[in-house]
Amino acid sequence: MATAPQIPDLRPRSLSELLDRTFTYYRRNFWLFVGIMAIPQLFVVAMSILFEEVQQIGRAGPTATGTDWLTPQLIIGIAVGIILFLTIFSVVYLFAQGATALALSDVHLGRAATIRGSYQEMKRHLWRLFLLINVICLRLAGVAMLFIGGIAAIAVAVGLVSSNGLAGALGIFLGILAILASIVLFFLLALRYSLSTPALLLENLKAGEAIRRSVFLARGNLGRIFLMSFLMSMVSWTASAICQGPFMVLAAVLAIKSRGVVPMWVSVPGDVAAGVGRALGAPLLMIGLALIYYDARVRKEGFDLQHMLESIEQQGAKPNQS
């Protein structure tokens, strides 16, 4: 006898309900989400410990032969290592962000979710997600150029004040307007594009399609996206500060007593604690944005009814397949 399909609760929700659901999912699936985001933090912790080791070598001064330890070859090696690390970390972090969104989708729709399964599913989306992030960064970089242009205009106008007071004042005014406009435009675009990642992953879209999809779904939800992003970012920052804070205080006290030298037995546990804090807080923002994405689809497209019909059809097709 066939059983009725399990239909998740996809009704439209207020912001307070979305916040509550974010923390509920996070609490009930704690090891799933933290485990996903812990993987990129391993790279950060390893890099931090390596940097501490390099600092220790630098404090030791010249080598036994009397030559300076900081050779050009070593400087080039460090620079190449940093670039390589940043590249690997960017890819792994994208993997983790995407895997978090995919895991949230499974949890939200009543499907089983695992760390390994989320990462495996993420493999086929990585290139498109990488392209999406770069397209968004380029667009935001254009806005940043407007900000820089405003600063340059003010700098030039200040030089004109002595020779032509009216032109200088006008230049300062226009520069301030450019800076304010760039700030507003930057945050507006960031909010409009904030649902691009869930759209790309959960609807299997191309980068440009995901951006247009995000703009459509974010329309009318910008306030909720801003508050969700702000609150989840504050929670993430607080979690990191709580984990790392005691080690930072201890390191500051020891640095004062030992003229800037922080022993490894303090710095290394501090780096590990910082990584733990970031892993604890990082999933919350993506969980919240993915929930807003689903809520927007429910409100604008009746996704709850669509998903219910698809679930019933799949359940009814199972006996025929057997």
C-alpha atoms as a PDB file:
ATOM      1  CA  MET A   1       0.000   0.000   0.000  1.00  0.00           C
ATOM      2  CA  ALA A   2       1.425   3.332  -1.054  1.00  0.00           C
ATOM      3  CA  THR A   3       1.878   5.939   1.656  1.00  0.00           C
ATOM      4  CA  ALA A   4       1.058   9.594   1.236  1.00  0.00           C
ATOM      5  CA  PRO A   5       4.023  11.758   0.288  1.00  0.00           C
ATOM      6  CA  GLN A   6       5.604  13.879   2.989  1.00  0.00           C
ATOM      7  CA  ILE A   7       4.964  17.493   2.025  1.00  0.00           C
ATOM      8  CA  PRO A   8       7.300  20.077   3.604  1.00  0.00           C
ATOM      9  CA  ASP A   9       5.895  23.270   5.079  1.00  0.00           C
ATOM     10  CA  LEU A  10       6.437  25.753   2.236  1.00  0.00           C
ATOM     11  CA  ARG A  11       3.933  28.421   3.202  1.00  0.00           C
ATOM     12  CA  PRO A  12       4.907  32.114   2.927  1.00  0.00           C
ATOM     13  CA  ARG A  13       6.719  33.311   6.032  1.00  0.00           C
ATOM     14  CA  SER A  14       7.448  36.636   7.694  1.00  0.00           C
ATOM     15  CA  LEU A  15      11.019  37.731   8.364  1.00  0.00           C
ATOM     16  CA  SER A  16      10.800  36.653  12.002  1.00  0.00           C
ATOM     17  CA  GLU A  17       9.592  33.224  10.912  1.00  0.00           C
ATOM     18  CA  LEU A  18      12.431  32.943   8.386  1.00  0.00           C
ATOM     19  CA  LEU A  19      14.944  33.848  11.095  1.00  0.00           C
ATOM     20  CA  ASP A  20      13.431  31.261  13.403  1.00  0.00           C
ATOM     21  CA  ARG A  21      13.520  28.632  10.656  1.00  0.00           C
ATOM     22  CA  THR A  22      17.163  29.519   9.894  1.00  0.00           C
ATOM     23  CA  PHE A  23      18.252  28.820  13.463  1.00  0.00           C
ATOM     24  CA  THR A  24      15.989  25.767  13.690  1.00  0.00           C
ATOM     25  CA  TYR A  25      17.540  24.160  10.630  1.00  0.00           C
ATOM     26  CA  TYR A  26      21.005  25.105  11.848  1.00  0.00           C
ATOM     27  CA  ARG A  27      20.398  23.619  15.298  1.00  0.00           C
ATOM     28  CA  ARG A  28      18.802  20.396  14.031  1.00  0.00           C
ATOM     29  CA  ASN A  29      21.489  19.860  11.391  1.00  0.00           C
ATOM     30  CA  PHE A  30      24.412  21.351  13.289  1.00  0.00           C
ATOM     31  CA  TRP A  31      27.086  18.832  12.278  1.00  0.00           C
ATOM     32  CA  LEU A  32      25.931  18.851   8.664  1.00  0.00           C
ATOM     33  CA  PHE A  33      26.308  22.605   8.129  1.00  0.00           C
ATOM     34  CA  VAL A  34      29.332  23.135  10.369  1.00  0.00           C
ATOM     35  CA  GLY A  35      31.026  20.102   8.823  1.00  0.00           C
ATOM     36  CA  ILE A  36      30.553  21.551   5.348  1.00  0.00           C
ATOM     37  CA  MET A  37      31.998  24.937   6.281  1.00  0.00           C
ATOM     38  CA  ALA A  38      34.818  23.461   8.382  1.00  0.00           C
ATOM     39  CA  ILE A  39      36.627  22.184   5.300  1.00  0.00           C
ATOM     40  CA  PRO A  40      37.688  25.594   3.876  1.00  0.00           C
ATOM     41  CA  GLN A  41      38.671  26.718   7.365  1.00  0.00           C
ATOM     42  CA  LEU A  42      41.273  23.949   7.479  1.00  0.00           C
ATOM     43  CA  PHE A  43      43.135  25.795   4.724  1.00  0.00           C
ATOM     44  CA  VAL A  44      42.905  29.099   6.597  1.00  0.00           C
ATOM     45  CA  VAL A  45      44.164  27.581   9.849  1.00  0.00           C
ATOM     46  CA  ALA A  46      47.030  25.838   8.044  1.00  0.00           C
ATOM     47  CA  MET A  47      48.020  29.085   6.315  1.00  0.00           C
ATOM     48  CA  SER A  48      47.854  31.020   9.581  1.00  0.00           C
ATOM     49  CA  ILE A  49      50.085  28.512  11.357  1.00  0.00           C
ATOM     50  CA  LEU A  50      52.558  28.617   8.458  1.00  0.00           C
ATOM     51  CA  PHE A  51      52.609  32.410   8.669  1.00  0.00           C
ATOM     52  CA  GLU A  52      53.318  32.165  12.402  1.00  0.00           C
ATOM     53  CA  GLU A  53      56.231  29.847  11.640  1.00  0.00           C
ATOM     54  CA  VAL A  54      57.643  32.343   9.133  1.00  0.00           C
ATOM     55  CA  GLN A  55      57.375  35.094  11.730  1.00  0.00           C
ATOM     56  CA  GLN A  56      59.221  32.962  14.256  1.00  0.00           C
ATOM     57  CA  ILE A  57      62.040  32.436  11.739  1.00  0.00           C
ATOM     58  CA  GLY A  58      62.158  36.161  11.056  1.00  0.00           C
ATOM     59  CA  ARG A  59      62.441  36.976  14.775  1.00  0.00           C
ATOM     60  CA  ALA A  60      65.361  34.572  15.067  1.00  0.00           C
ATOM     61  CA  GLY A  61      67.378  36.983  12.906  1.00  0.00           C
ATOM     62  CA  PRO A  62      70.298  36.059  10.616  1.00  0.00           C
ATOM     63  CA  THR A  63      71.191  32.477   9.952  1.00  0.00           C
ATOM     64  CA  ALA A  64      74.145  30.728  11.526  1.00  0.00           C
ATOM     65  CA  THR A  65      76.335  31.815   8.607  1.00  0.00           C
ATOM     66  CA  GLY A  66      75.551  35.442   9.270  1.00  0.00           C
ATOM     67  CA  THR A  67      73.530  35.973   6.078  1.00  0.00           C
ATOM     68  CA  ASP A  68      70.045  37.379   5.997  1.00  0.00           C
ATOM     69  CA  TRP A  69      67.390  34.650   6.032  1.00  0.00           C
ATOM     70  CA  LEU A  70      64.966  36.708   3.916  1.00  0.00           C
ATOM     71  CA  THR A  71      66.459  36.017   0.489  1.00  0.00           C
ATOM     72  CA  PRO A  72      64.841  37.064  -2.812  1.00  0.00           C
ATOM     73  CA  GLN A  73      64.156  33.412  -3.580  1.00  0.00           C
ATOM     74  CA  LEU A  74      62.314  33.018  -0.276  1.00  0.00           C
ATOM     75  CA  ILE A  75      60.292  36.183  -0.894  1.00  0.00           C
ATOM     76  CA  ILE A  76      59.255  34.895  -4.329  1.00  0.00           C
ATOM     77  CA  GLY A  77      58.413  31.519  -2.825  1.00  0.00           C
ATOM     78  CA  ILE A  78      56.244  33.129  -0.140  1.00  0.00           C
ATOM     79  CA  ALA A  79      54.446  35.273  -2.743  1.00  0.00           C
ATOM     80  CA  VAL A  80      53.781  32.257  -4.983  1.00  0.00           C
ATOM     81  CA  GLY A  81      52.602  30.281  -1.973  1.00  0.00           C
ATOM     82  CA  ILE A  82      50.161  33.014  -0.947  1.00  0.00           C
ATOM     83  CA  ILE A  83      48.737  33.243  -4.478  1.00  0.00           C
ATOM     84  CA  LEU A  84      48.410  29.468  -4.648  1.00  0.00           C
ATOM     85  CA  PHE A  85      46.737  29.365  -1.253  1.00  0.00           C
ATOM     86  CA  LEU A  86      44.259  32.102  -2.141  1.00  0.00           C
ATOM     87  CA  THR A  87      43.365  30.296  -5.369  1.00  0.00           C
ATOM     88  CA  ILE A  88      42.802  26.975  -3.639  1.00  0.00           C
ATOM     89  CA  PHE A  89      40.914  28.596  -0.781  1.00  0.00           C
ATOM     90  CA  SER A  90      38.620  30.483  -3.182  1.00  0.00           C
ATOM     91  CA  VAL A  91      37.693  27.267  -4.969  1.00  0.00           C
ATOM     92  CA  VAL A  92      37.182  25.325  -1.741  1.00  0.00           C
ATOM     93  CA  TYR A  93      35.162  28.145  -0.183  1.00  0.00           C
ATOM     94  CA  LEU A  94      32.922  28.306  -3.252  1.00  0.00           C
ATOM     95  CA  PHE A  95      32.509  24.564  -2.952  1.00  0.00           C
ATOM     96  CA  ALA A  96      31.492  24.933   0.683  1.00  0.00           C
ATOM     97  CA  GLN A  97      29.043  27.792   0.049  1.00  0.00           C
ATOM     98  CA  GLY A  98      27.391  25.879  -2.755  1.00  0.00           C
ATOM     99  CA  ALA A  99      27.289  22.664  -0.739  1.00  0.00           C
ATOM    100  CA  THR A 100      25.618  24.559   2.108  1.00  0.00           C
ATOM    101  CA  ALA A 101      22.878  25.820  -0.216  1.00  0.00           C
ATOM    102  CA  LEU A 102      22.344  22.334  -1.653  1.00  0.00           C
ATOM    103  CA  ALA A 103      22.227  20.788   1.836  1.00  0.00           C
ATOM    104  CA  LEU A 104      19.700  23.394   2.962  1.00  0.00           C
ATOM    105  CA  SER A 105      17.545  22.630  -0.063  1.00  0.00           C
ATOM    106  CA  ASP A 106      17.511  18.927   0.818  1.00  0.00           C
ATOM    107  CA  VAL A 107      16.676  19.643   4.444  1.00  0.00           C
ATOM    108  CA  HIS A 108      13.992  22.192   3.546  1.00  0.00           C
ATOM    109  CA  LEU A 109      12.313  19.865   1.057  1.00  0.00           C
ATOM    110  CA  GLY A 110      12.399  16.862   3.346  1.00  0.00           C
ATOM    111  CA  ARG A 111      15.205  14.942   1.666  1.00  0.00           C
ATOM    112  CA  ALA A 112      18.228  13.282   3.259  1.00  0.00           C
ATOM    113  CA  ALA A 113      21.350  15.436   3.281  1.00  0.00           C
ATOM    114  CA  THR A 114      24.970  14.549   3.993  1.00  0.00           C
ATOM    115  CA  ILE A 115      28.281  16.397   3.831  1.00  0.00           C
ATOM    116  CA  ARG A 116      29.672  14.046   1.218  1.00  0.00           C
ATOM    117  CA  GLY A 117      26.512  14.057  -0.877  1.00  0.00           C
ATOM    118  CA  SER A 118      26.319  17.860  -0.871  1.00  0.00           C
ATOM    119  CA  TYR A 119      29.930  18.183  -2.017  1.00  0.00           C
ATOM    120  CA  GLN A 120      29.474  15.537  -4.700  1.00  0.00           C
ATOM    121  CA  GLU A 121      26.388  17.310  -6.034  1.00  0.00           C
ATOM    122  CA  MET A 122      28.335  20.562  -6.013  1.00  0.00           C
ATOM    123  CA  LYS A 123      30.949  19.215  -8.468  1.00  0.00           C
ATOM    124  CA  ARG A 124      28.784  19.713 -11.537  1.00  0.00           C
ATOM    125  CA  HIS A 125      27.977  23.306 -10.562  1.00  0.00           C
ATOM    126  CA  LEU A 126      31.457  24.571  -9.634  1.00  0.00           C
ATOM    127  CA  TRP A 127      32.454  26.163 -12.950  1.00  0.00           C
ATOM    128  CA  ARG A 128      29.141  27.980 -13.360  1.00  0.00           C
ATOM    129  CA  LEU A 129      29.272  29.194  -9.750  1.00  0.00           C
ATOM    130  CA  PHE A 130      32.857  30.402 -10.242  1.00  0.00           C
ATOM    131  CA  LEU A 131      31.776  32.275 -13.363  1.00  0.00           C
ATOM    132  CA  LEU A 132      28.778  33.747 -11.528  1.00  0.00           C
ATOM    133  CA  ILE A 133      30.908  35.103  -8.688  1.00  0.00           C
ATOM    134  CA  ASN A 134      33.365  36.667 -11.129  1.00  0.00           C
ATOM    135  CA  VAL A 135      30.597  38.337 -13.142  1.00  0.00           C
ATOM    136  CA  ILE A 136      29.108  39.802  -9.970  1.00  0.00           C
ATOM    137  CA  CYS A 137      32.532  40.969  -8.761  1.00  0.00           C
ATOM    138  CA  LEU A 138      33.193  42.706 -12.078  1.00  0.00           C
ATOM    139  CA  ARG A 139      29.873  44.536 -11.882  1.00  0.00           C
ATOM    140  CA  LEU A 140      30.545  45.622  -8.317  1.00  0.00           C
ATOM    141  CA  ALA A 141      34.073  46.644  -9.326  1.00  0.00           C
ATOM    142  CA  GLY A 142      32.502  49.053 -11.823  1.00  0.00           C
ATOM    143  CA  VAL A 143      30.640  50.674  -8.962  1.00  0.00           C
ATOM    144  CA  ALA A 144      33.879  50.836  -6.975  1.00  0.00           C
ATOM    145  CA  MET A 145      35.416  52.814  -9.857  1.00  0.00           C
ATOM    146  CA  LEU A 146      32.675  55.401  -9.384  1.00  0.00           C
ATOM    147  CA  PHE A 147      33.685  55.637  -5.724  1.00  0.00           C
ATOM    148  CA  ILE A 148      37.353  56.114  -6.671  1.00  0.00           C
ATOM    149  CA  GLY A 149      36.326  58.692  -9.260  1.00  0.00           C
ATOM    150  CA  GLY A 150      34.491  60.637  -6.578  1.00  0.00           C
ATOM    151  CA  ILE A 151      37.564  60.685  -4.359  1.00  0.00           C
ATOM    152  CA  ALA A 152      39.721  61.800  -7.297  1.00  0.00           C
ATOM    153  CA  ALA A 153      37.249  64.569  -8.121  1.00  0.00           C
ATOM    154  CA  ILE A 154      37.400  65.839  -4.549  1.00  0.00           C
ATOM    155  CA  ALA A 155      41.214  65.755  -4.586  1.00  0.00           C
ATOM    156  CA  VAL A 156      41.336  67.789  -7.806  1.00  0.00           C
ATOM    157  CA  ALA A 157      38.663  70.189  -6.550  1.00  0.00           C
ATOM    158  CA  VAL A 158      40.590  70.868  -3.345  1.00  0.00           C
ATOM    159  CA  GLY A 159      43.520  71.961  -5.494  1.00  0.00           C
ATOM    160  CA  LEU A 160      41.257  74.339  -7.423  1.00  0.00           C
ATOM    161  CA  VAL A 161      39.799  75.984  -4.338  1.00  0.00           C
ATOM    162  CA  SER A 162      42.624  78.507  -4.018  1.00  0.00           C
ATOM    163  CA  SER A 163      42.536  79.543  -7.702  1.00  0.00           C
ATOM    164  CA  ASN A 164      38.837  79.160  -8.435  1.00  0.00           C
ATOM    165  CA  GLY A 165      36.686  78.842  -5.358  1.00  0.00           C
ATOM    166  CA  LEU A 166      33.408  78.239  -7.223  1.00  0.00           C
ATOM    167  CA  ALA A 167      34.797  75.496  -9.458  1.00  0.00           C
ATOM    168  CA  GLY A 168      36.492  73.864  -6.474  1.00  0.00           C
ATOM    169  CA  ALA A 169      33.332  73.877  -4.392  1.00  0.00           C
ATOM    170  CA  LEU A 170      31.347  72.444  -7.302  1.00  0.00           C
ATOM    171  CA  GLY A 171      33.955  69.700  -7.789  1.00  0.00           C
ATOM    172  CA  ILE A 172      33.830  68.778  -4.104  1.00  0.00           C
ATOM    173  CA  PHE A 173      30.034  68.634  -4.221  1.00  0.00           C
ATOM    174  CA  LEU A 174      30.032  66.416  -7.321  1.00  0.00           C
ATOM    175  CA  GLY A 175      32.700  64.181  -5.798  1.00  0.00           C
ATOM    176  CA  ILE A 176      30.651  63.694  -2.635  1.00  0.00           C
ATOM    177  CA  LEU A 177      27.581  62.888  -4.751  1.00  0.00           C
ATOM    178  CA  ALA A 178      29.591  60.305  -6.710  1.00  0.00           C
ATOM    179  CA  ILE A 179      30.807  58.665  -3.496  1.00  0.00           C
ATOM    180  CA  LEU A 180      27.317  58.537  -1.973  1.00  0.00           C
ATOM    181  CA  ALA A 181      25.806  57.240  -5.216  1.00  0.00           C
ATOM    182  CA  SER A 182      28.459  54.526  -5.483  1.00  0.00           C
ATOM    183  CA  ILE A 183      27.814  53.362  -1.909  1.00  0.00           C
ATOM    184  CA  VAL A 184      24.049  53.198  -2.432  1.00  0.00           C
ATOM    185  CA  LEU A 185      24.431  51.495  -5.818  1.00  0.00           C
ATOM    186  CA  PHE A 186      26.939  48.989  -4.439  1.00  0.00           C
ATOM    187  CA  PHE A 187      24.626  47.813  -1.658  1.00  0.00           C
ATOM    188  CA  LEU A 188      21.606  47.854  -3.967  1.00  0.00           C
ATOM    189  CA  LEU A 189      23.327  45.621  -6.522  1.00  0.00           C
ATOM    190  CA  ALA A 190      24.681  43.336  -3.792  1.00  0.00           C
ATOM    191  CA  LEU A 191      21.152  42.852  -2.435  1.00  0.00           C
ATOM    192  CA  ARG A 192      19.655  42.305  -5.894  1.00  0.00           C
ATOM    193  CA  TYR A 193      22.304  39.675  -6.705  1.00  0.00           C
ATOM    194  CA  SER A 194      22.225  37.956  -3.299  1.00  0.00           C
ATOM    195  CA  LEU A 195      19.885  35.157  -4.437  1.00  0.00           C
ATOM    196  CA  SER A 196      21.980  34.312  -7.493  1.00  0.00           C
ATOM    197  CA  THR A 197      23.816  31.415  -5.874  1.00  0.00           C
ATOM    198  CA  PRO A 198      20.669  29.553  -4.734  1.00  0.00           C
ATOM    199  CA  ALA A 199      19.058  30.233  -8.115  1.00  0.00           C
ATOM    200  CA  LEU A 200      22.048  28.890 -10.061  1.00  0.00           C
ATOM    201  CA  LEU A 201      22.424  25.770  -7.931  1.00  0.00           C
ATOM    202  CA  LEU A 202      18.817  24.854  -7.252  1.00  0.00           C
ATOM    203  CA  GLU A 203      17.472  25.615 -10.742  1.00  0.00           C
ATOM    204  CA  ASN A 204      20.598  24.561 -12.666  1.00  0.00           C
ATOM    205  CA  LEU A 205      20.905  27.928 -14.415  1.00  0.00           C
ATOM    206  CA  LYS A 206      23.757  29.656 -16.222  1.00  0.00           C
ATOM    207  CA  ALA A 207      25.473  32.638 -14.600  1.00  0.00           C
ATOM    208  CA  GLY A 208      23.574  35.335 -16.503  1.00  0.00           C
ATOM    209  CA  GLU A 209      20.261  33.558 -16.033  1.00  0.00           C
ATOM    210  CA  ALA A 210      20.920  33.208 -12.291  1.00  0.00           C
ATOM    211  CA  ILE A 211      21.589  36.942 -11.963  1.00  0.00           C
ATOM    212  CA  ARG A 212      18.373  37.850 -13.788  1.00  0.00           C
ATOM    213  CA  ARG A 213      16.517  35.295 -11.702  1.00  0.00           C
ATOM    214  CA  SER A 214      17.915  36.802  -8.502  1.00  0.00           C
ATOM    215  CA  VAL A 215      16.887  40.303  -9.540  1.00  0.00           C
ATOM    216  CA  PHE A 216      13.331  39.071 -10.151  1.00  0.00           C
ATOM    217  CA  LEU A 217      13.047  37.160  -6.882  1.00  0.00           C
ATOM    218  CA  ALA A 218      14.706  39.907  -4.830  1.00  0.00           C
ATOM    219  CA  ARG A 219      12.256  42.530  -6.065  1.00  0.00           C
ATOM    220  CA  GLY A 220      10.059  43.379  -3.097  1.00  0.00           C
ATOM    221  CA  ASN A 221      12.351  41.473  -0.720  1.00  0.00           C
ATOM    222  CA  LEU A 222      15.347  43.804  -0.529  1.00  0.00           C
ATOM    223  CA  GLY A 223      14.545  44.893   3.023  1.00  0.00           C
ATOM    224  CA  ARG A 224      14.264  41.316   4.233  1.00  0.00           C
ATOM    225  CA  ILE A 225      17.466  40.329   2.425  1.00  0.00           C
ATOM    226  CA  PHE A 226      19.318  43.252   4.010  1.00  0.00           C
ATOM    227  CA  LEU A 227      18.119  42.450   7.524  1.00  0.00           C
ATOM    228  CA  MET A 228      18.804  38.745   7.110  1.00  0.00           C
ATOM    229  CA  SER A 229      22.320  39.445   5.783  1.00  0.00           C
ATOM    230  CA  PHE A 230      23.066  41.979   8.513  1.00  0.00           C
ATOM    231  CA  LEU A 231      21.811  39.832  11.389  1.00  0.00           C
ATOM    232  CA  MET A 232      23.463  36.620  10.190  1.00  0.00           C
ATOM    233  CA  SER A 233      26.739  38.466   9.568  1.00  0.00           C
ATOM    234  CA  MET A 234      26.617  39.867  13.101  1.00  0.00           C
ATOM    235  CA  VAL A 235      25.950  36.416  14.555  1.00  0.00           C
ATOM    236  CA  SER A 236      28.847  34.968  12.535  1.00  0.00           C
ATOM    237  CA  TRP A 237      31.177  37.739  13.660  1.00  0.00           C
ATOM    238  CA  THR A 238      30.107  37.270  17.280  1.00  0.00           C
ATOM    239  CA  ALA A 239      30.719  33.519  17.129  1.00  0.00           C
ATOM    240  CA  SER A 240      34.204  34.100  15.733  1.00  0.00           C
ATOM    241  CA  ALA A 241      34.950  36.784  18.335  1.00  0.00           C
ATOM    242  CA  ILE A 242      33.827  34.559  21.219  1.00  0.00           C
ATOM    243  CA  CYS A 243      36.034  31.696  20.058  1.00  0.00           C
ATOM    244  CA  GLN A 244      39.087  33.787  19.256  1.00  0.00           C
ATOM    245  CA  GLY A 245      38.650  36.597  21.791  1.00  0.00           C
ATOM    246  CA  PRO A 246      40.335  34.994  24.828  1.00  0.00           C
ATOM    247  CA  PHE A 247      43.390  34.065  22.751  1.00  0.00           C
ATOM    248  CA  MET A 248      43.594  37.576  21.292  1.00  0.00           C
ATOM    249  CA  VAL A 249      43.547  39.104  24.783  1.00  0.00           C
ATOM    250  CA  LEU A 250      46.194  36.683  26.021  1.00  0.00           C
ATOM    251  CA  ALA A 251      48.328  37.312  22.925  1.00  0.00           C
ATOM    252  CA  ALA A 252      48.076  41.089  23.441  1.00  0.00           C
ATOM    253  CA  VAL A 253      49.150  40.804  27.093  1.00  0.00           C
ATOM    254  CA  LEU A 254      52.103  38.557  26.253  1.00  0.00           C
ATOM    255  CA  ALA A 255      53.109  40.792  23.321  1.00  0.00           C
ATOM    256  CA  ILE A 256      53.293  43.804  25.641  1.00  0.00           C
ATOM    257  CA  LYS A 257      55.432  41.900  28.143  1.00  0.00           C
ATOM    258  CA  SER A 258      57.756  40.391  25.529  1.00  0.00           C
ATOM    259  CA  ARG A 259      58.050  43.380  23.147  1.00  0.00           C
ATOM    260  CA  GLY A 260      55.730  42.144  20.440  1.00  0.00           C
ATOM    261  CA  VAL A 261      56.622  38.446  20.536  1.00  0.00           C
ATOM    262  CA  VAL A 262      53.646  36.048  20.840  1.00  0.00           C
ATOM    263  CA  PRO A 263      54.608  32.436  21.650  1.00  0.00           C
ATOM    264  CA  MET A 264      53.400  29.675  19.364  1.00  0.00           C
ATOM    265  CA  TRP A 265      51.516  27.982  22.199  1.00  0.00           C
ATOM    266  CA  VAL A 266      49.173  30.986  22.163  1.00  0.00           C
ATOM    267  CA  SER A 267      49.053  31.922  18.473  1.00  0.00           C
ATOM    268  CA  VAL A 268      48.415  28.427  17.111  1.00  0.00           C
ATOM    269  CA  PRO A 269      45.444  27.634  19.417  1.00  0.00           C
ATOM    270  CA  GLY A 270      44.172  31.129  18.605  1.00  0.00           C
ATOM    271  CA  ASP A 271      44.267  30.371  14.883  1.00  0.00           C
ATOM    272  CA  VAL A 272      42.437  27.087  15.454  1.00  0.00           C
ATOM    273  CA  ALA A 273      39.824  28.812  17.625  1.00  0.00           C
ATOM    274  CA  ALA A 274      39.305  31.456  14.924  1.00  0.00           C
ATOM    275  CA  GLY A 275      38.755  28.719  12.338  1.00  0.00           C
ATOM    276  CA  VAL A 276      36.242  27.013  14.612  1.00  0.00           C
ATOM    277  CA  GLY A 277      34.399  30.297  15.104  1.00  0.00           C
ATOM    278  CA  ARG A 278      34.210  30.960  11.381  1.00  0.00           C
ATOM    279  CA  ALA A 279      32.992  27.420  10.707  1.00  0.00           C
ATOM    280  CA  LEU A 280      30.286  27.854  13.346  1.00  0.00           C
ATOM    281  CA  GLY A 281      28.965  31.129  11.966  1.00  0.00           C
ATOM    282  CA  ALA A 282      29.555  30.859   8.211  1.00  0.00           C
ATOM    283  CA  PRO A 283      26.585  28.597   7.317  1.00  0.00           C
ATOM    284  CA  LEU A 284      23.950  30.928   8.751  1.00  0.00           C
ATOM    285  CA  LEU A 285      23.998  33.547   5.994  1.00  0.00           C
ATOM    286  CA  MET A 286      23.660  31.024   3.166  1.00  0.00           C
ATOM    287  CA  ILE A 287      20.887  29.180   5.040  1.00  0.00           C
ATOM    288  CA  GLY A 288      18.990  32.429   5.519  1.00  0.00           C
ATOM    289  CA  LEU A 289      19.395  33.564   1.900  1.00  0.00           C
ATOM    290  CA  ALA A 290      18.331  30.142   0.572  1.00  0.00           C
ATOM    291  CA  LEU A 291      15.200  30.296   2.729  1.00  0.00           C
ATOM    292  CA  ILE A 292      14.383  33.771   1.380  1.00  0.00           C
ATOM    293  CA  TYR A 293      14.905  32.376  -2.123  1.00  0.00           C
ATOM    294  CA  TYR A 294      12.358  29.616  -1.494  1.00  0.00           C
ATOM    295  CA  ASP A 295       9.972  32.025   0.220  1.00  0.00           C
ATOM    296  CA  ALA A 296      10.118  34.388  -2.774  1.00  0.00           C
ATOM    297  CA  ARG A 297       9.314  31.484  -5.106  1.00  0.00           C
ATOM    298  CA  VAL A 298       6.366  30.494  -2.936  1.00  0.00           C
ATOM    299  CA  ARG A 299       4.993  34.036  -2.969  1.00  0.00           C
ATOM    300  CA  LYS A 300       5.587  34.816  -6.647  1.00  0.00           C
ATOM    301  CA  GLU A 301       5.282  31.439  -8.359  1.00  0.00           C
ATOM    302  CA  GLY A 302       3.277  29.164  -6.085  1.00  0.00           C
ATOM    303  CA  PHE A 303       6.269  26.899  -5.570  1.00  0.00           C
ATOM    304  CA  ASP A 304       4.529  25.174  -2.661  1.00  0.00           C
ATOM    305  CA  LEU A 305       1.739  23.906  -4.947  1.00  0.00           C
ATOM    306  CA  GLN A 306       4.202  23.036  -7.698  1.00  0.00           C
ATOM    307  CA  HIS A 307       6.357  20.993  -5.326  1.00  0.00           C
ATOM    308  CA  MET A 308       3.310  19.260  -3.840  1.00  0.00           C
ATOM    309  CA  LEU A 309       2.081  18.178  -7.285  1.00  0.00           C
ATOM    310  CA  GLU A 310       5.540  16.948  -8.273  1.00  0.00           C
ATOM    311  CA  SER A 311       5.803  14.942  -5.050  1.00  0.00           C
ATOM    312  CA  ILE A 312       2.400  13.345  -5.610  1.00  0.00           C
ATOM    313  CA  GLU A 313       3.293  12.467  -9.199  1.00  0.00           C
ATOM    314  CA  GLN A 314       6.590  10.901  -8.129  1.00  0.00           C
ATOM    315  CA  GLN A 315       4.882   8.949  -5.368  1.00  0.00           C
ATOM    316  CA  GLY A 316       2.225   7.674  -7.764  1.00  0.00           C
ATOM    317  CA  ALA A 317       4.827   6.632 -10.331  1.00  0.00           C
ATOM    318  CA  LYS A 318       6.754   4.387  -7.920  1.00  0.00           C
ATOM    319  CA  PRO A 319       4.384   1.335  -8.131  1.00  0.00           C
ATOM    320  CA  ASN A 320       4.422   1.484 -11.932  1.00  0.00           C
ATOM    321  CA  GLN A 321       8.228   1.559 -11.996  1.00  0.00           C
ATOM    322  CA  SER A 322       8.385  -1.583  -9.891  1.00  0.00           C
END
